């Protein structure tokens, strides 16, 4: 959806969000608010986690999708709905459509994670795999809408979607009335815009801070330009906020109401996901962990009490495995290196003994004896270790040097 001028843009009000809240009663869960002692210690004030990762379908997307589809005219419902998504929006539209008795078709990229494809089908949608990237999938869905008359359900650029997502903001104010700062991830902007509309209308003193992945941060340049601008080839592990251009409707609301938009790195996202899993016992996808990443990046800059909105928990298990390893490395708890040693019986055993003596947990060993780079009496070993942190990593390195080993990489 695109709008020609700022004057033609629809807006969203507190009454819209309250109306959406009534509509979602008994449909969307009032998700838990959990305190985080670790993050509270870093920030120096109470930090709470709003657990939309525990929402039905695993993310906040059900809220907006249900409100949008419930608001369709009878003839529009009869024509069915269509959406394009790699994950959360797909599941939200599929489930909302099933609850409302509306036929849904969801286009997903060919490479979409199989668990997300299966979940979308299980929620009742017809899934069509098309395109290698979301832009191609989106174009196919819009073409399907033109050909069939099905209503295209945009993931963020519609006032009903924004009003539905804004109900999270009302819940935060009810569950944590003393809140001073709300931190929320931003992709296209529907969630942040909705939260800001609800919160600023009731509590204008509360700060709303948006967070984007640095590799997919379209809002900072758009805010600087005063209108949505596209960024080429957004790249981030946080696919839930990997959007190349802000939505027209959410942009105007975020420009007016959101106090600040920050960016976080891939290392910070990985560390945040790992922290949610280990400390809070919550499975959170990278996009959902972006507010926690912002808190880890600069904890003293947030006025508390703080609520970090964990927007979703739908993460592919294979991606989770890679992210956790990346997060451990970013936290100094995963160490990998190569070294050469004399190729003689017992050499590898001796090396492992050195590592055992400093309490390093060996996860994987690669042993190469035949390579043009190696001398006749040399072997190369690649090791992956789990450590206790940066200090322990230094101890491992010191022990290897003291034992006479030369680390190559």
Protein backbone atom coordinates (compact mmCIF):
# COMPACT_ATOMS: atom_id res chain seq x y z
CA UNK A 1 0.00 0.00 0.00
CA UNK A 2 1.28 3.47 -0.86
CA UNK A 3 -0.22 6.91 -0.36
CA UNK A 4 0.39 9.86 -2.63
CA UNK A 5 0.52 12.76 -0.20
CA UNK A 6 0.80 13.30 3.52
CA UNK A 7 -2.66 14.94 3.50
CA UNK A 8 -4.27 11.73 2.22
CA UNK A 9 -2.75 9.52 4.93
CA UNK A 10 -5.18 7.96 7.39
CA UNK A 11 -4.22 8.19 11.03
CA UNK A 12 -4.81 6.15 14.19
CA UNK A 13 -6.21 7.43 17.49
CA UNK A 14 -6.49 6.17 21.05
CA UNK A 15 -10.18 5.44 20.40
CA UNK A 16 -9.14 3.18 17.50
CA UNK A 17 -6.76 1.27 19.76
CA UNK A 18 -9.38 0.93 22.51
CA UNK A 19 -11.87 -0.31 19.95
CA UNK A 20 -9.32 -2.87 18.78
CA UNK A 21 -8.77 -3.96 22.38
CA UNK A 22 -12.49 -4.73 22.77
CA UNK A 23 -12.46 -6.60 19.47
CA UNK A 24 -9.50 -8.73 20.59
CA UNK A 25 -11.02 -9.67 23.94
CA UNK A 26 -10.98 -13.46 24.13
CA UNK A 27 -8.92 -13.67 20.93
CA UNK A 28 -5.45 -12.37 21.80
CA UNK A 29 -3.84 -13.29 25.08
CA UNK A 30 -2.95 -10.65 27.64
CA UNK A 31 0.66 -11.75 27.65
CA UNK A 32 2.82 -11.91 30.76
CA UNK A 33 5.10 -9.18 32.09
CA UNK A 34 8.25 -10.67 33.60
CA UNK A 35 10.88 -8.86 35.65
CA UNK A 36 14.55 -9.22 34.73
CA UNK A 37 16.92 -8.99 37.67
CA UNK A 38 19.98 -9.11 35.41
CA UNK A 39 18.86 -6.27 33.13
CA UNK A 40 17.62 -4.28 36.12
CA UNK A 41 21.11 -4.49 37.58
CA UNK A 42 22.65 -3.19 34.35
CA UNK A 43 20.19 -0.34 33.92
CA UNK A 44 20.08 0.58 37.60
CA UNK A 45 16.27 0.54 37.59
CA UNK A 46 13.54 -2.09 37.23
CA UNK A 47 13.37 -3.73 33.79
CA UNK A 48 10.34 -5.77 32.74
CA UNK A 49 9.89 -7.99 29.68
CA UNK A 50 6.53 -7.87 27.86
CA UNK A 51 6.28 -11.41 26.51
CA UNK A 52 4.52 -11.20 23.14
CA UNK A 53 6.67 -14.18 22.18
CA UNK A 54 4.08 -16.13 24.20
CA UNK A 55 1.16 -14.70 22.20
CA UNK A 56 -0.99 -17.05 20.12
CA UNK A 57 0.89 -17.84 16.87
CA UNK A 58 4.08 -16.80 18.66
CA UNK A 59 4.03 -13.05 18.02
CA UNK A 60 2.04 -9.81 18.25
CA UNK A 61 1.03 -10.11 14.59
CA UNK A 62 -2.25 -11.86 15.42
CA UNK A 63 -3.55 -8.63 16.99
CA UNK A 64 -3.34 -6.46 13.90
CA UNK A 65 -4.31 -9.20 11.47
CA UNK A 66 -7.48 -10.03 13.39
CA UNK A 67 -8.57 -6.40 13.68
CA UNK A 68 -7.94 -5.80 9.97
CA UNK A 69 -9.84 -8.89 8.78
CA UNK A 70 -12.67 -8.46 11.30
CA UNK A 71 -13.23 -4.97 9.88
CA UNK A 72 -13.80 -6.17 6.31
CA UNK A 73 -17.22 -5.83 4.70
CA UNK A 74 -19.20 -9.06 4.11
CA UNK A 75 -18.46 -9.00 0.38
CA UNK A 76 -14.75 -8.50 1.10
CA UNK A 77 -14.71 -11.46 3.47
CA UNK A 78 -16.42 -13.55 0.83
CA UNK A 79 -13.58 -12.77 -1.60
CA UNK A 80 -10.99 -14.05 0.87
CA UNK A 81 -7.72 -12.48 1.94
CA UNK A 82 -4.13 -12.78 0.78
CA UNK A 83 -0.84 -11.94 2.48
CA UNK A 84 2.88 -12.21 1.89
CA UNK A 85 5.27 -13.07 4.69
CA UNK A 86 8.26 -15.18 5.64
CA UNK A 87 6.83 -16.01 9.05
CA UNK A 88 4.98 -14.12 11.78
CA UNK A 89 2.52 -12.12 9.67
CA UNK A 90 1.75 -15.29 7.69
CA UNK A 91 0.77 -17.15 10.84
CA UNK A 92 -1.17 -14.19 12.24
CA UNK A 93 -3.23 -13.82 9.06
CA UNK A 94 -3.81 -17.56 8.77
CA UNK A 95 -5.04 -17.94 12.34
CA UNK A 96 -7.13 -14.75 12.33
CA UNK A 97 -8.78 -15.82 9.09
CA UNK A 98 -9.62 -19.24 10.52
CA UNK A 99 -11.15 -17.69 13.63
CA UNK A 100 -13.29 -15.41 11.46
CA UNK A 101 -14.25 -18.03 8.87
CA UNK A 102 -12.45 -16.25 6.02
CA UNK A 103 -10.51 -18.06 3.30
CA UNK A 104 -6.81 -17.09 3.32
CA UNK A 105 -3.94 -17.51 0.89
CA UNK A 106 -0.43 -16.76 2.07
CA UNK A 107 2.57 -16.36 -0.23
CA UNK A 108 5.90 -17.26 1.35
CA UNK A 109 9.44 -17.22 -0.10
CA UNK A 110 10.72 -20.50 -1.48
CA UNK A 111 13.41 -20.59 1.21
CA UNK A 112 11.08 -19.89 4.16
CA UNK A 113 11.88 -22.09 7.20
CA UNK A 114 9.88 -25.31 7.02
CA UNK A 115 8.48 -25.00 10.58
CA UNK A 116 6.95 -21.61 9.69
CA UNK A 117 5.48 -22.96 6.45
CA UNK A 118 3.99 -25.93 8.30
CA UNK A 119 2.58 -23.72 11.07
CA UNK A 120 0.93 -21.38 8.54
CA UNK A 121 -0.74 -24.34 6.84
CA UNK A 122 -1.81 -25.76 10.20
CA UNK A 123 -3.52 -22.46 11.01
CA UNK A 124 -5.69 -22.96 7.94
CA UNK A 125 -4.10 -20.96 5.12
CA UNK A 126 -3.34 -22.12 1.61
CA UNK A 127 0.41 -21.57 1.31
CA UNK A 128 2.03 -20.74 -2.02
CA UNK A 129 5.81 -20.67 -2.20
CA UNK A 130 7.03 -18.01 -4.62
CA UNK A 131 10.18 -15.94 -5.03
CA UNK A 132 13.60 -16.03 -3.40
CA UNK A 133 13.18 -12.77 -1.46
CA UNK A 134 10.20 -11.17 0.27
CA UNK A 135 9.88 -8.42 -2.37
CA UNK A 136 9.20 -11.05 -5.04
CA UNK A 137 6.75 -12.81 -2.73
CA UNK A 138 4.98 -9.54 -2.00
CA UNK A 139 4.60 -8.77 -5.71
CA UNK A 140 3.10 -12.21 -6.31
CA UNK A 141 0.57 -11.74 -3.50
CA UNK A 142 -0.47 -8.32 -4.82
CA UNK A 143 -0.88 -9.74 -8.33
CA UNK A 144 -3.04 -12.53 -6.88
CA UNK A 145 -5.20 -9.91 -5.15
CA UNK A 146 -5.70 -8.04 -8.43
CA UNK A 147 -6.60 -11.22 -10.31
CA UNK A 148 -8.96 -12.76 -7.77
CA UNK A 149 -10.38 -9.81 -5.83
CA UNK A 150 -8.96 -11.13 -2.55
CA UNK A 151 -8.17 -8.40 -0.01
CA UNK A 152 -4.46 -7.87 0.46
CA UNK A 153 -3.55 -7.73 4.17
CA UNK A 154 -0.49 -5.55 4.53
CA UNK A 155 1.83 -6.48 7.42
CA UNK A 156 2.16 -2.92 8.78
CA UNK A 157 0.93 -0.15 6.47
CA UNK A 158 -2.75 0.07 7.42
CA UNK A 159 -4.52 1.87 10.29
CA UNK A 160 -6.40 -1.25 11.43
CA UNK A 161 -3.14 -3.18 11.68
CA UNK A 162 -1.57 -0.37 13.70
CA UNK A 163 -4.58 -0.09 16.00
CA UNK A 164 -4.44 -3.82 16.69
CA UNK A 165 -0.73 -3.73 17.48
CA UNK A 166 -1.30 -0.69 19.71
CA UNK A 167 -3.26 -2.84 22.16
CA UNK A 168 0.12 -4.08 23.44
CA UNK A 169 0.80 -0.52 24.61
CA UNK A 170 -2.44 -0.38 26.60
CA UNK A 171 -1.57 -3.69 28.28
CA UNK A 172 1.87 -2.39 29.22
CA UNK A 173 0.35 0.66 30.93
CA UNK A 174 -2.10 -1.56 32.82
CA UNK A 175 0.51 -4.09 33.88
CA UNK A 176 3.30 -1.62 34.70
CA UNK A 177 1.69 1.77 35.52
CA UNK A 178 5.00 3.11 36.85
CA UNK A 179 6.78 2.61 33.49
CA UNK A 180 8.97 5.48 32.26
CA UNK A 181 10.45 3.99 29.07
CA UNK A 182 9.14 1.45 26.57
CA UNK A 183 11.60 -0.10 24.11
CA UNK A 184 10.20 -1.71 20.97
CA UNK A 185 11.65 -3.15 17.77
CA UNK A 186 10.90 -1.49 14.44
CA UNK A 187 10.68 -3.07 11.00
CA UNK A 188 8.00 -1.45 8.87
CA UNK A 189 6.78 0.37 11.96
CA UNK A 190 3.29 -0.99 12.69
CA UNK A 191 4.03 -2.17 16.23
CA UNK A 192 6.04 0.88 17.30
CA UNK A 193 3.47 3.26 15.81
CA UNK A 194 0.57 1.52 17.53
CA UNK A 195 2.33 1.39 20.89
CA UNK A 196 3.28 5.07 20.60
CA UNK A 197 -0.30 6.11 19.76
CA UNK A 198 -1.71 4.30 22.79
CA UNK A 199 1.00 5.23 25.27
CA UNK A 200 1.47 8.90 24.36
CA UNK A 201 -2.29 9.55 24.47
CA UNK A 202 -2.56 8.18 28.00
CA UNK A 203 0.92 8.90 29.38
CA UNK A 204 2.75 11.52 27.32
CA UNK A 205 5.58 11.47 29.88
CA UNK A 206 6.56 7.90 28.96
CA UNK A 207 9.40 7.64 26.45
CA UNK A 208 8.98 5.27 23.50
CA UNK A 209 12.29 4.19 21.98
CA UNK A 210 12.43 2.22 18.74
CA UNK A 211 15.18 -0.24 17.82
CA UNK A 212 16.34 -1.36 14.39
CA UNK A 213 19.02 -3.78 13.24
CA UNK A 214 21.95 -1.73 11.92
CA UNK A 215 21.95 -3.66 8.64
CA UNK A 216 18.26 -2.94 8.00
CA UNK A 217 17.79 0.51 9.49
CA UNK A 218 15.52 2.46 7.14
CA UNK A 219 14.05 4.74 9.81
CA UNK A 220 17.10 6.89 10.71
CA UNK A 221 17.61 8.11 7.12
CA UNK A 222 13.85 8.40 6.61
CA UNK A 223 13.42 10.52 9.73
CA UNK A 224 16.34 12.69 8.63
CA UNK A 225 14.73 13.18 5.21
CA UNK A 226 11.25 13.77 6.63
CA UNK A 227 9.66 11.02 4.52
CA UNK A 228 10.07 7.27 3.99
CA UNK A 229 13.14 6.32 1.98
CA UNK A 230 14.29 2.91 0.82
CA UNK A 231 17.59 1.34 1.73
CA UNK A 232 19.25 -1.10 -0.69
CA UNK A 233 19.58 -4.75 0.30
CA UNK A 234 18.72 -4.77 4.02
CA UNK A 235 20.68 -7.53 5.74
CA UNK A 236 20.20 -8.90 9.25
CA UNK A 237 19.52 -12.16 11.04
CA UNK A 238 16.43 -10.45 12.51
CA UNK A 239 14.08 -11.25 9.63
CA UNK A 240 11.08 -9.92 11.59
CA UNK A 241 12.43 -6.37 11.29
CA UNK A 242 14.27 -6.71 7.96
CA UNK A 243 12.26 -4.13 6.03
CA UNK A 244 13.79 -1.89 3.38
CA UNK A 245 11.26 0.96 3.53
CA UNK A 246 9.04 2.32 6.33
CA UNK A 247 5.31 2.16 5.85
CA UNK A 248 3.68 5.47 4.98
CA UNK A 249 1.04 5.32 7.73
CA UNK A 250 3.31 4.18 10.58
CA UNK A 251 6.07 6.57 9.52
CA UNK A 252 4.02 9.69 10.17
CA UNK A 253 3.07 8.38 13.63
CA UNK A 254 6.60 7.36 14.55
CA UNK A 255 7.96 10.69 13.33
CA UNK A 256 5.48 12.49 15.58
CA UNK A 257 5.36 10.26 18.66
CA UNK A 258 8.45 8.06 19.03
CA UNK A 259 11.16 9.78 21.06
CA UNK A 260 14.19 8.08 19.52
CA UNK A 261 15.22 5.30 17.12
CA UNK A 262 18.42 3.39 17.88
CA UNK A 263 20.30 0.67 16.01
CA UNK A 264 21.93 -2.52 17.28
CA UNK A 265 24.57 -4.80 15.76
CA UNK A 266 24.30 -8.48 14.89
CA UNK A 267 26.58 -9.32 17.84
CA UNK A 268 24.25 -7.41 20.18
CA UNK A 269 21.21 -9.22 18.78
CA UNK A 270 22.90 -12.60 19.30
CA UNK A 271 23.90 -11.73 22.84
CA UNK A 272 20.37 -10.54 23.61
CA UNK A 273 18.79 -13.74 22.33
CA UNK A 274 21.24 -15.79 24.40
CA UNK A 275 20.47 -13.71 27.49
CA UNK A 276 16.70 -14.18 27.05
CA UNK A 277 17.19 -17.92 26.78
CA UNK A 278 19.62 -18.34 29.68
CA UNK A 279 18.48 -15.70 32.16
CA UNK A 280 14.77 -15.28 31.42
CA UNK A 281 14.13 -18.85 30.14
CA UNK A 282 12.33 -17.36 27.14
CA UNK A 283 12.69 -18.40 23.50
CA UNK A 284 12.81 -15.13 21.55
CA UNK A 285 13.57 -14.57 17.88
CA UNK A 286 16.27 -12.00 16.93
CA UNK A 287 13.71 -9.29 16.05
CA UNK A 288 11.96 -9.87 19.35
CA UNK A 289 15.24 -9.58 21.23
CA UNK A 290 16.16 -6.22 19.65
CA UNK A 291 14.91 -4.14 22.64
CA UNK A 292 17.08 -6.26 24.96
CA UNK A 293 20.01 -5.72 22.58
CA UNK A 294 19.53 -1.96 22.92
CA UNK A 295 19.53 -2.27 26.72
CA UNK A 296 22.75 -4.29 26.62
CA UNK A 297 24.34 -1.78 24.25
CA UNK A 298 23.90 1.29 26.48
CA UNK A 299 22.09 0.36 29.70
CA UNK A 300 22.72 3.59 31.57
CA UNK A 301 20.92 5.70 28.96
CA UNK A 302 17.43 4.38 29.77
CA UNK A 303 15.19 5.98 32.37
CA UNK A 304 13.49 3.34 34.48
CA UNK A 305 11.31 1.53 35.08
CA UNK A 306 11.79 0.11 31.57
CA UNK A 307 9.61 -2.29 29.61
CA UNK A 308 11.30 -4.18 26.76
CA UNK A 309 8.74 -5.56 24.32
CA UNK A 310 9.68 -9.08 23.18
CA UNK A 311 7.68 -9.09 19.98
CA UNK A 312 7.99 -12.72 18.87
CA UNK A 313 9.42 -16.17 19.50
CA UNK A 314 9.17 -17.90 16.12
CA UNK A 315 12.75 -18.85 15.36
CA UNK A 316 13.87 -21.68 13.10
CA UNK A 317 15.79 -24.30 15.16
CA UNK A 318 18.71 -24.33 12.72
CA UNK A 319 18.96 -20.54 12.84
CA UNK A 320 18.71 -20.69 16.63
CA UNK A 321 21.70 -23.03 16.73
CA UNK A 322 23.81 -20.65 14.65
CA UNK A 323 22.69 -17.60 16.60
CA UNK A 324 23.44 -19.18 19.96
CA UNK A 325 26.96 -20.04 18.82
CA UNK A 326 27.37 -16.49 17.50
CA UNK A 327 26.02 -15.11 20.78
CA UNK A 328 28.43 -17.22 22.81
CA UNK A 329 31.31 -15.97 20.69
CA UNK A 330 30.17 -12.35 21.10
CA UNK A 331 30.03 -12.89 24.86
CA UNK A 332 33.54 -14.35 24.88
CA UNK A 333 32.25 -17.83 25.75
CA UNK A 334 33.03 -19.56 22.48
CA UNK A 335 36.58 -19.81 21.21
CA UNK A 336 37.75 -21.29 17.93
CA UNK A 337 41.32 -21.39 16.62
CA UNK A 338 43.84 -23.38 14.55
CA UNK A 339 47.33 -24.40 15.55
CA UNK A 340 50.09 -26.66 14.28
CA UNK A 341 51.82 -29.39 16.19
CA UNK A 342 54.32 -32.15 15.55
CA UNK A 343 52.65 -35.14 13.95
CA UNK A 344 53.64 -37.90 16.36
CA UNK A 345 51.68 -40.40 18.48
CA UNK A 346 50.12 -38.75 21.51
CA UNK A 347 50.48 -35.15 20.25
CA UNK A 348 46.73 -34.52 20.12
CA UNK A 349 46.27 -36.20 23.51
CA UNK A 350 48.87 -33.86 25.00
CA UNK A 351 47.16 -30.80 23.51
CA UNK A 352 43.78 -31.84 24.88
CA UNK A 353 45.42 -32.36 28.26
CA UNK A 354 46.57 -28.72 28.28
CA UNK A 355 43.01 -27.59 27.53
CA UNK A 356 41.55 -29.88 30.17
CA UNK A 357 43.93 -28.48 32.78
CA UNK A 358 42.45 -24.99 32.27
CA UNK A 359 38.88 -26.35 32.31
CA UNK A 360 38.06 -25.55 28.67
CA UNK A 361 35.20 -27.61 27.24
CA UNK A 362 36.17 -28.98 23.81
CA UNK A 363 33.15 -29.00 21.48
CA UNK A 364 34.77 -30.06 18.22
CA UNK A 365 38.20 -31.09 16.91
CA UNK A 366 39.40 -31.14 13.32
CA UNK A 367 42.74 -32.91 12.67
CA UNK A 368 44.48 -32.46 9.28
CA UNK A 369 47.64 -34.41 8.43
CA UNK A 370 47.81 -34.05 4.63
CA UNK A 371 47.89 -30.54 3.24
CA UNK A 372 50.41 -28.81 0.91
CA UNK A 373 50.86 -26.09 3.54
CA UNK A 374 52.13 -28.59 6.13
CA UNK A 375 55.63 -29.95 6.54
CA UNK A 376 56.31 -33.67 6.59
CA UNK A 377 56.22 -33.80 10.39
CA UNK A 378 53.41 -31.30 10.93
CA UNK A 379 49.68 -31.62 11.56
CA UNK A 380 47.09 -28.90 11.88
CA UNK A 381 44.32 -28.92 14.47
CA UNK A 382 41.18 -26.78 14.48
CA UNK A 383 39.42 -26.58 17.84
CA UNK A 384 36.10 -25.15 19.00
CA UNK A 385 35.86 -24.56 22.73
CA UNK A 386 33.24 -23.42 25.20
CA UNK A 387 34.74 -21.08 27.78
CA UNK A 388 33.55 -19.15 30.82
CA UNK A 389 34.09 -15.71 29.31
CA UNK A 390 36.79 -13.31 28.08
CA UNK A 391 39.03 -13.82 31.13
CA UNK A 392 38.90 -17.58 30.67
CA UNK A 393 39.69 -17.19 26.95
CA UNK A 394 42.84 -15.28 27.91
CA UNK A 395 43.77 -18.05 30.36
CA UNK A 396 43.37 -20.66 27.60
CA UNK A 397 45.62 -18.64 25.28
CA UNK A 398 48.25 -18.20 27.99
CA UNK A 399 48.24 -21.94 28.77
CA UNK A 400 48.75 -22.81 25.09
CA UNK A 401 51.64 -20.36 24.74
CA UNK A 402 53.26 -21.64 27.93
CA UNK A 403 53.04 -25.17 26.57
CA UNK A 404 54.86 -24.05 23.41
CA UNK A 405 51.95 -24.02 20.95
CA UNK A 406 51.67 -21.36 18.25
CA UNK A 407 48.10 -20.36 17.42
CA UNK A 408 47.75 -19.65 13.68
CA UNK A 409 44.22 -18.21 13.55
